[in-house]
N, C-alpha and C. Protein backbone atom coordinates (compact mmCIF):
# COMPACT_ATOMS: atom_id res chain seq x y z
N UNK A 1 0.84 -1.19 0.00
CA UNK A 1 0.00 0.00 0.00
C UNK A 1 0.88 1.25 0.00
N UNK A 2 0.53 2.21 -0.78
CA UNK A 2 1.33 3.42 -0.95
C UNK A 2 1.05 4.45 0.16
N UNK A 3 2.09 5.17 0.56
CA UNK A 3 1.95 6.25 1.55
C UNK A 3 1.46 7.55 0.92
N UNK A 4 1.51 7.64 -0.40
CA UNK A 4 1.22 8.90 -1.08
C UNK A 4 -0.28 9.18 -1.13
N UNK A 5 -0.67 10.42 -0.80
CA UNK A 5 -2.08 10.83 -0.87
C UNK A 5 -2.33 11.78 -2.03
N UNK A 6 -1.27 12.18 -2.72
CA UNK A 6 -1.41 13.07 -3.88
C UNK A 6 -0.80 12.38 -5.08
N UNK A 7 -1.37 12.64 -6.24
CA UNK A 7 -0.81 12.10 -7.48
C UNK A 7 0.32 13.00 -7.94
N UNK A 8 1.41 12.39 -8.40
CA UNK A 8 2.53 13.16 -8.92
C UNK A 8 3.35 12.28 -9.85
N UNK A 9 4.15 12.95 -10.66
CA UNK A 9 5.12 12.29 -11.53
C UNK A 9 6.48 12.89 -11.23
N UNK A 10 7.53 12.24 -11.68
CA UNK A 10 8.86 12.83 -11.52
C UNK A 10 8.92 14.18 -12.22
N UNK A 11 8.29 14.27 -13.38
CA UNK A 11 8.29 15.55 -14.10
C UNK A 11 7.60 16.65 -13.30
N UNK A 12 6.47 16.34 -12.70
CA UNK A 12 5.77 17.38 -11.92
C UNK A 12 6.58 17.77 -10.69
N UNK A 13 7.25 16.82 -10.08
CA UNK A 13 8.10 17.17 -8.93
C UNK A 13 9.26 18.06 -9.37
N UNK A 14 9.90 17.70 -10.46
CA UNK A 14 11.02 18.51 -10.94
C UNK A 14 10.56 19.89 -11.39
N UNK A 15 9.37 19.99 -11.96
CA UNK A 15 8.83 21.30 -12.35
C UNK A 15 8.61 22.20 -11.13
N UNK A 16 8.31 21.60 -9.98
CA UNK A 16 8.07 22.39 -8.77
C UNK A 16 9.36 23.05 -8.25
N UNK A 17 10.50 22.64 -8.77
CA UNK A 17 11.79 23.18 -8.32
C UNK A 17 12.28 24.37 -9.14
N UNK A 18 11.59 24.71 -10.21
CA UNK A 18 12.04 25.80 -11.08
C UNK A 18 12.14 27.10 -10.28
N UNK A 19 13.26 27.80 -10.48
CA UNK A 19 13.53 29.08 -9.81
C UNK A 19 13.62 28.97 -8.29
N UNK A 20 14.16 27.86 -7.80
CA UNK A 20 14.35 27.67 -6.36
C UNK A 20 15.80 27.26 -6.09
N UNK A 21 16.15 27.19 -4.81
CA UNK A 21 17.46 26.68 -4.42
C UNK A 21 17.68 25.27 -4.94
N UNK A 22 16.62 24.48 -4.96
CA UNK A 22 16.69 23.10 -5.44
C UNK A 22 17.23 23.07 -6.87
N UNK A 23 16.67 23.89 -7.74
CA UNK A 23 17.13 23.96 -9.12
C UNK A 23 18.56 24.48 -9.18
N UNK A 24 18.86 25.51 -8.40
CA UNK A 24 20.20 26.11 -8.41
C UNK A 24 21.29 25.08 -8.07
N UNK A 25 21.00 24.19 -7.13
CA UNK A 25 21.98 23.17 -6.74
C UNK A 25 22.00 21.96 -7.66
N UNK A 26 21.10 21.93 -8.64
CA UNK A 26 21.07 20.82 -9.60
C UNK A 26 20.40 19.57 -9.07
N UNK A 27 19.58 19.69 -8.03
CA UNK A 27 18.87 18.53 -7.47
C UNK A 27 17.75 18.13 -8.42
N UNK A 28 17.68 16.83 -8.72
CA UNK A 28 16.62 16.31 -9.59
C UNK A 28 16.01 15.08 -8.95
N UNK A 29 14.68 15.06 -8.85
CA UNK A 29 13.99 13.88 -8.35
C UNK A 29 14.19 12.76 -9.36
N UNK A 30 14.57 11.59 -8.87
CA UNK A 30 14.98 10.52 -9.78
C UNK A 30 14.12 9.27 -9.72
N UNK A 31 13.48 9.01 -8.58
CA UNK A 31 12.64 7.81 -8.49
C UNK A 31 11.77 7.89 -7.24
N UNK A 32 10.72 7.09 -7.25
CA UNK A 32 9.89 6.90 -6.06
C UNK A 32 9.25 5.53 -6.16
N UNK A 33 8.88 5.02 -5.01
CA UNK A 33 8.08 3.80 -4.96
C UNK A 33 6.98 4.01 -3.93
N UNK A 34 6.35 2.96 -3.47
CA UNK A 34 5.23 3.11 -2.54
C UNK A 34 5.62 3.68 -1.19
N UNK A 35 6.92 3.68 -0.86
CA UNK A 35 7.35 4.06 0.49
C UNK A 35 8.58 4.96 0.52
N UNK A 36 9.02 5.50 -0.61
CA UNK A 36 10.23 6.34 -0.59
C UNK A 36 10.26 7.27 -1.80
N UNK A 37 11.08 8.32 -1.63
CA UNK A 37 11.31 9.29 -2.70
C UNK A 37 12.81 9.53 -2.77
N UNK A 38 13.37 9.55 -3.99
CA UNK A 38 14.81 9.74 -4.18
C UNK A 38 15.09 10.90 -5.12
N UNK A 39 16.26 11.49 -4.94
CA UNK A 39 16.74 12.55 -5.82
C UNK A 39 18.25 12.47 -5.90
N UNK A 40 18.80 13.02 -6.97
CA UNK A 40 20.25 13.08 -7.13
C UNK A 40 20.70 14.54 -7.12
N UNK A 41 21.96 14.74 -6.74
CA UNK A 41 22.55 16.07 -6.70
C UNK A 41 24.00 15.97 -7.15
N UNK A 42 24.44 16.87 -8.03
CA UNK A 42 25.84 16.84 -8.47
C UNK A 42 26.77 17.33 -7.35
N UNK A 43 27.95 16.78 -7.34
CA UNK A 43 29.01 17.28 -6.47
C UNK A 43 29.96 18.04 -7.38
N UNK A 44 29.79 19.37 -7.39
CA UNK A 44 30.58 20.23 -8.26
C UNK A 44 30.70 21.60 -7.61
N UNK A 45 31.10 22.60 -8.35
CA UNK A 45 31.35 23.93 -7.78
C UNK A 45 30.13 24.48 -7.03
N UNK A 46 28.91 24.11 -7.47
CA UNK A 46 27.71 24.61 -6.79
C UNK A 46 27.54 24.03 -5.40
N UNK A 47 28.08 22.85 -5.17
CA UNK A 47 27.83 22.14 -3.91
C UNK A 47 29.11 21.90 -3.10
N UNK A 48 30.25 22.42 -3.58
CA UNK A 48 31.52 22.25 -2.86
C UNK A 48 31.65 23.25 -1.72
N UNK A 49 32.40 22.87 -0.71
CA UNK A 49 32.89 23.81 0.29
C UNK A 49 34.32 24.19 -0.11
N UNK A 50 34.97 25.14 0.58
CA UNK A 50 36.27 25.64 0.12
C UNK A 50 37.38 24.60 -0.03
N UNK A 51 37.29 23.47 0.65
CA UNK A 51 38.32 22.43 0.51
C UNK A 51 38.08 21.51 -0.68
N UNK A 52 37.04 21.81 -1.47
CA UNK A 52 36.81 21.05 -2.70
C UNK A 52 36.02 19.77 -2.52
N UNK A 53 35.31 19.66 -1.42
CA UNK A 53 34.45 18.48 -1.23
C UNK A 53 33.02 18.92 -0.97
N UNK A 54 32.10 17.95 -1.01
CA UNK A 54 30.69 18.23 -0.82
C UNK A 54 30.46 18.98 0.50
N UNK A 55 29.80 20.10 0.41
CA UNK A 55 29.46 20.93 1.57
C UNK A 55 28.38 20.21 2.38
N UNK A 56 28.57 20.13 3.69
CA UNK A 56 27.57 19.50 4.54
C UNK A 56 26.22 20.19 4.43
N UNK A 57 26.23 21.50 4.25
CA UNK A 57 24.98 22.23 4.08
C UNK A 57 24.24 21.81 2.83
N UNK A 58 24.96 21.48 1.77
CA UNK A 58 24.32 21.01 0.54
C UNK A 58 23.65 19.66 0.79
N UNK A 59 24.31 18.81 1.56
CA UNK A 59 23.69 17.53 1.92
C UNK A 59 22.41 17.75 2.71
N UNK A 60 22.43 18.73 3.62
CA UNK A 60 21.23 19.02 4.42
C UNK A 60 20.13 19.59 3.53
N UNK A 61 20.49 20.41 2.54
CA UNK A 61 19.48 20.91 1.60
C UNK A 61 18.84 19.73 0.86
N UNK A 62 19.65 18.79 0.39
CA UNK A 62 19.11 17.62 -0.30
C UNK A 62 18.18 16.84 0.64
N UNK A 63 18.62 16.62 1.87
CA UNK A 63 17.81 15.86 2.83
C UNK A 63 16.49 16.57 3.12
N UNK A 64 16.55 17.87 3.40
CA UNK A 64 15.31 18.59 3.73
C UNK A 64 14.40 18.70 2.52
N UNK A 65 14.96 18.85 1.36
CA UNK A 65 14.17 18.90 0.13
C UNK A 65 13.38 17.61 -0.03
N UNK A 66 14.05 16.49 0.10
CA UNK A 66 13.38 15.20 -0.07
C UNK A 66 12.33 14.94 1.01
N UNK A 67 12.73 15.13 2.26
CA UNK A 67 11.81 14.85 3.35
C UNK A 67 10.59 15.76 3.35
N UNK A 68 10.83 17.03 3.06
CA UNK A 68 9.73 18.01 3.06
C UNK A 68 8.74 17.72 1.93
N UNK A 69 9.25 17.49 0.74
CA UNK A 69 8.34 17.21 -0.37
C UNK A 69 7.61 15.90 -0.13
N UNK A 70 8.32 14.87 0.33
CA UNK A 70 7.67 13.59 0.61
C UNK A 70 6.57 13.75 1.65
N UNK A 71 6.86 14.51 2.72
CA UNK A 71 5.86 14.73 3.76
C UNK A 71 4.61 15.37 3.19
N UNK A 72 4.79 16.36 2.33
CA UNK A 72 3.64 17.06 1.75
C UNK A 72 2.86 16.19 0.78
N UNK A 73 3.47 15.18 0.22
CA UNK A 73 2.76 14.26 -0.66
C UNK A 73 1.98 13.21 0.13
N UNK A 74 2.19 13.18 1.46
CA UNK A 74 1.52 12.19 2.32
C UNK A 74 0.33 12.76 3.07
N UNK A 75 -0.04 13.99 2.77
CA UNK A 75 -1.20 14.59 3.43
C UNK A 75 -2.22 14.99 2.37
N UNK A 76 -3.48 15.08 2.79
CA UNK A 76 -4.51 15.47 1.84
C UNK A 76 -4.47 16.98 1.61
N UNK A 77 -5.34 17.46 0.75
CA UNK A 77 -5.33 18.87 0.33
C UNK A 77 -5.66 19.85 1.45
N UNK A 78 -6.20 19.37 2.57
CA UNK A 78 -6.54 20.27 3.68
C UNK A 78 -5.35 20.54 4.59
N UNK A 79 -4.23 19.87 4.35
CA UNK A 79 -3.07 19.98 5.23
C UNK A 79 -1.80 20.26 4.43
N UNK A 80 -0.80 20.76 5.15
CA UNK A 80 0.53 20.94 4.58
C UNK A 80 1.54 20.70 5.69
N UNK A 81 2.78 20.47 5.31
CA UNK A 81 3.83 20.14 6.28
C UNK A 81 4.97 21.16 6.20
N UNK A 82 5.52 21.50 7.37
CA UNK A 82 6.66 22.40 7.46
C UNK A 82 7.70 21.78 8.38
N UNK A 83 8.97 22.10 8.12
CA UNK A 83 10.05 21.53 8.90
C UNK A 83 10.10 22.06 10.32
N UNK A 84 10.35 21.16 11.28
CA UNK A 84 10.55 21.52 12.68
C UNK A 84 12.00 21.36 13.10
N UNK A 85 12.63 20.28 12.65
CA UNK A 85 13.98 19.97 13.09
C UNK A 85 14.65 19.07 12.07
N UNK A 86 15.93 19.29 11.86
CA UNK A 86 16.70 18.39 11.01
C UNK A 86 18.07 18.21 11.64
N UNK A 87 18.58 16.99 11.57
CA UNK A 87 19.96 16.76 11.97
C UNK A 87 20.64 15.94 10.88
N UNK A 88 21.94 15.99 10.86
CA UNK A 88 22.69 15.28 9.83
C UNK A 88 24.03 14.84 10.39
N UNK A 89 24.40 13.63 10.06
CA UNK A 89 25.73 13.12 10.36
C UNK A 89 26.43 12.89 9.03
N UNK A 90 27.55 13.58 8.86
CA UNK A 90 28.34 13.48 7.62
C UNK A 90 29.43 12.45 7.85
N UNK A 91 29.39 11.36 7.10
CA UNK A 91 30.27 10.22 7.39
C UNK A 91 31.32 9.94 6.32
N UNK A 92 31.20 10.57 5.15
CA UNK A 92 32.18 10.31 4.09
C UNK A 92 32.30 11.54 3.21
N UNK A 93 33.52 11.90 2.87
CA UNK A 93 33.76 13.02 1.96
C UNK A 93 33.57 12.57 0.51
N UNK A 94 33.03 13.47 -0.30
CA UNK A 94 32.88 13.22 -1.73
C UNK A 94 33.38 14.47 -2.45
N UNK A 95 34.20 14.29 -3.48
CA UNK A 95 34.78 15.43 -4.19
C UNK A 95 34.17 15.67 -5.57
N UNK A 96 33.58 14.64 -6.14
CA UNK A 96 33.01 14.80 -7.49
C UNK A 96 31.95 13.72 -7.70
N UNK A 97 31.25 13.87 -8.81
CA UNK A 97 30.24 12.87 -9.18
C UNK A 97 28.84 13.29 -8.77
N UNK A 98 28.08 12.31 -8.36
CA UNK A 98 26.67 12.50 -8.03
C UNK A 98 26.42 11.82 -6.69
N UNK A 99 25.60 12.44 -5.85
CA UNK A 99 25.10 11.76 -4.66
C UNK A 99 23.60 11.56 -4.83
N UNK A 100 23.10 10.52 -4.17
CA UNK A 100 21.67 10.19 -4.25
C UNK A 100 21.12 10.17 -2.84
N UNK A 101 20.01 10.86 -2.64
CA UNK A 101 19.32 10.84 -1.36
C UNK A 101 18.02 10.07 -1.49
N UNK A 102 17.69 9.32 -0.45
CA UNK A 102 16.43 8.59 -0.41
C UNK A 102 15.76 8.84 0.93
N UNK A 103 14.52 9.33 0.87
CA UNK A 103 13.74 9.62 2.06
C UNK A 103 12.72 8.51 2.27
N UNK A 104 12.68 7.99 3.50
CA UNK A 104 11.68 7.00 3.88
C UNK A 104 11.05 7.43 5.21
N UNK A 105 9.78 7.16 5.40
CA UNK A 105 9.13 7.60 6.63
C UNK A 105 9.49 6.72 7.82
N UNK A 106 9.66 7.37 8.95
CA UNK A 106 9.79 6.68 10.23
C UNK A 106 8.44 6.72 10.94
N UNK A 107 7.75 7.87 10.79
CA UNK A 107 6.45 8.08 11.43
C UNK A 107 5.64 9.05 10.57
N UNK A 108 4.43 8.67 10.24
CA UNK A 108 3.51 9.56 9.54
C UNK A 108 2.27 9.68 10.42
N UNK A 109 2.19 10.79 11.16
CA UNK A 109 1.08 11.01 12.07
C UNK A 109 0.21 12.16 11.64
N UNK A 110 -0.80 12.44 12.43
CA UNK A 110 -1.73 13.53 12.13
C UNK A 110 -1.14 14.91 12.42
N UNK A 111 -0.18 14.99 13.36
CA UNK A 111 0.39 16.29 13.72
C UNK A 111 1.89 16.38 13.46
N UNK A 112 2.56 15.25 13.36
CA UNK A 112 3.99 15.25 13.04
C UNK A 112 4.32 14.09 12.11
N UNK A 113 5.42 14.28 11.39
CA UNK A 113 6.01 13.21 10.59
C UNK A 113 7.50 13.21 10.87
N UNK A 114 8.12 12.03 10.81
CA UNK A 114 9.56 11.91 10.94
C UNK A 114 10.07 11.13 9.73
N UNK A 115 11.09 11.66 9.07
CA UNK A 115 11.66 11.07 7.86
C UNK A 115 13.14 10.79 8.06
N UNK A 116 13.59 9.66 7.55
CA UNK A 116 15.01 9.30 7.53
C UNK A 116 15.48 9.47 6.09
N UNK A 117 16.59 10.19 5.91
CA UNK A 117 17.14 10.43 4.58
C UNK A 117 18.57 9.93 4.56
N UNK A 118 18.84 8.98 3.68
CA UNK A 118 20.19 8.42 3.51
C UNK A 118 20.75 8.96 2.20
N UNK A 119 21.94 9.53 2.26
CA UNK A 119 22.61 10.05 1.07
C UNK A 119 23.83 9.18 0.80
N UNK A 120 23.91 8.67 -0.42
CA UNK A 120 25.00 7.78 -0.80
C UNK A 120 25.73 8.33 -2.02
N UNK A 121 26.98 7.88 -2.18
CA UNK A 121 27.74 8.25 -3.37
C UNK A 121 27.53 7.20 -4.44
N UNK A 122 28.19 7.38 -5.58
CA UNK A 122 27.91 6.55 -6.75
C UNK A 122 28.17 5.06 -6.54
N UNK A 123 29.05 4.72 -5.61
CA UNK A 123 29.31 3.30 -5.33
C UNK A 123 28.40 2.74 -4.25
N UNK A 124 27.45 3.57 -3.80
CA UNK A 124 26.48 3.12 -2.81
C UNK A 124 26.92 3.28 -1.36
N UNK A 125 28.07 3.91 -1.13
CA UNK A 125 28.55 4.09 0.24
C UNK A 125 27.88 5.31 0.88
N UNK A 126 27.57 5.19 2.15
CA UNK A 126 26.88 6.24 2.88
C UNK A 126 27.75 7.50 3.00
N UNK A 127 27.17 8.64 2.66
CA UNK A 127 27.83 9.94 2.76
C UNK A 127 27.27 10.72 3.95
N UNK A 128 25.94 10.68 4.10
CA UNK A 128 25.27 11.45 5.15
C UNK A 128 23.98 10.73 5.53
N UNK A 129 23.68 10.72 6.81
CA UNK A 129 22.39 10.23 7.27
C UNK A 129 21.72 11.36 8.03
N UNK A 130 20.46 11.57 7.74
CA UNK A 130 19.75 12.72 8.27
C UNK A 130 18.36 12.31 8.74
N UNK A 131 17.88 12.98 9.78
CA UNK A 131 16.52 12.76 10.27
C UNK A 131 15.80 14.11 10.30
N UNK A 132 14.62 14.14 9.70
CA UNK A 132 13.83 15.36 9.57
C UNK A 132 12.48 15.19 10.26
N UNK A 133 12.15 16.13 11.13
CA UNK A 133 10.83 16.14 11.78
C UNK A 133 10.00 17.25 11.16
N UNK A 134 8.79 16.91 10.77
CA UNK A 134 7.88 17.85 10.13
C UNK A 134 6.64 18.05 10.98
N UNK A 135 6.13 19.29 11.00
CA UNK A 135 4.83 19.58 11.62
C UNK A 135 3.77 19.49 10.53
N UNK A 136 2.67 18.86 10.84
CA UNK A 136 1.54 18.77 9.92
C UNK A 136 0.53 19.84 10.33
N UNK A 137 0.26 20.76 9.42
CA UNK A 137 -0.59 21.92 9.69
C UNK A 137 -1.88 21.82 8.88
N UNK A 138 -2.94 22.45 9.39
CA UNK A 138 -4.19 22.55 8.64
C UNK A 138 -4.21 23.89 7.93
N UNK A 139 -4.64 23.88 6.66
CA UNK A 139 -4.86 25.14 5.96
C UNK A 139 -5.96 25.90 6.68
N UNK A 140 -5.78 27.20 6.83
CA UNK A 140 -6.83 28.02 7.44
C UNK A 140 -8.00 28.13 6.49
N UNK A 141 -9.19 28.08 7.05
CA UNK A 141 -10.40 28.22 6.22
C UNK A 141 -10.52 29.66 5.75
N UNK A 142 -10.85 29.82 4.49
CA UNK A 142 -11.04 31.15 3.94
C UNK A 142 -12.49 31.56 4.16
N UNK A 143 -12.67 32.81 4.63
CA UNK A 143 -14.02 33.33 4.81
C UNK A 143 -14.64 33.66 3.46
N UNK A 144 -15.88 33.34 3.33
CA UNK A 144 -16.58 33.58 2.06
C UNK A 144 -17.07 34.99 1.96
């Protein structure tokens, strides 16, 4: 059974990134299944820190991008999700190529969601592990 409550395609997800930090960093949604969402990000001048390796902040942007979008795809049209907390452990340096992040839910509740995001390099080795907590909010009713 799928966790998704909204219909989407990879193209529609990537279109939602136009003119955002996500597009600027070259992040592209690459796959999804019934329980996860993945995206890739280049490791290049846009995502390097001064020592020439992947900036930890870029990894956190990838993690929050995936977890936040996934969370919002798991609620109906009356609700939306916003980030409350994110942490990240950076375990491997990467200097070039592509990293892939995959977000999977730990908890999908009525008021909070928790997402685990694993970022790996091209050989599948862990680069960063991140946990994102989201608040689930109700859209305010508009007065007629």
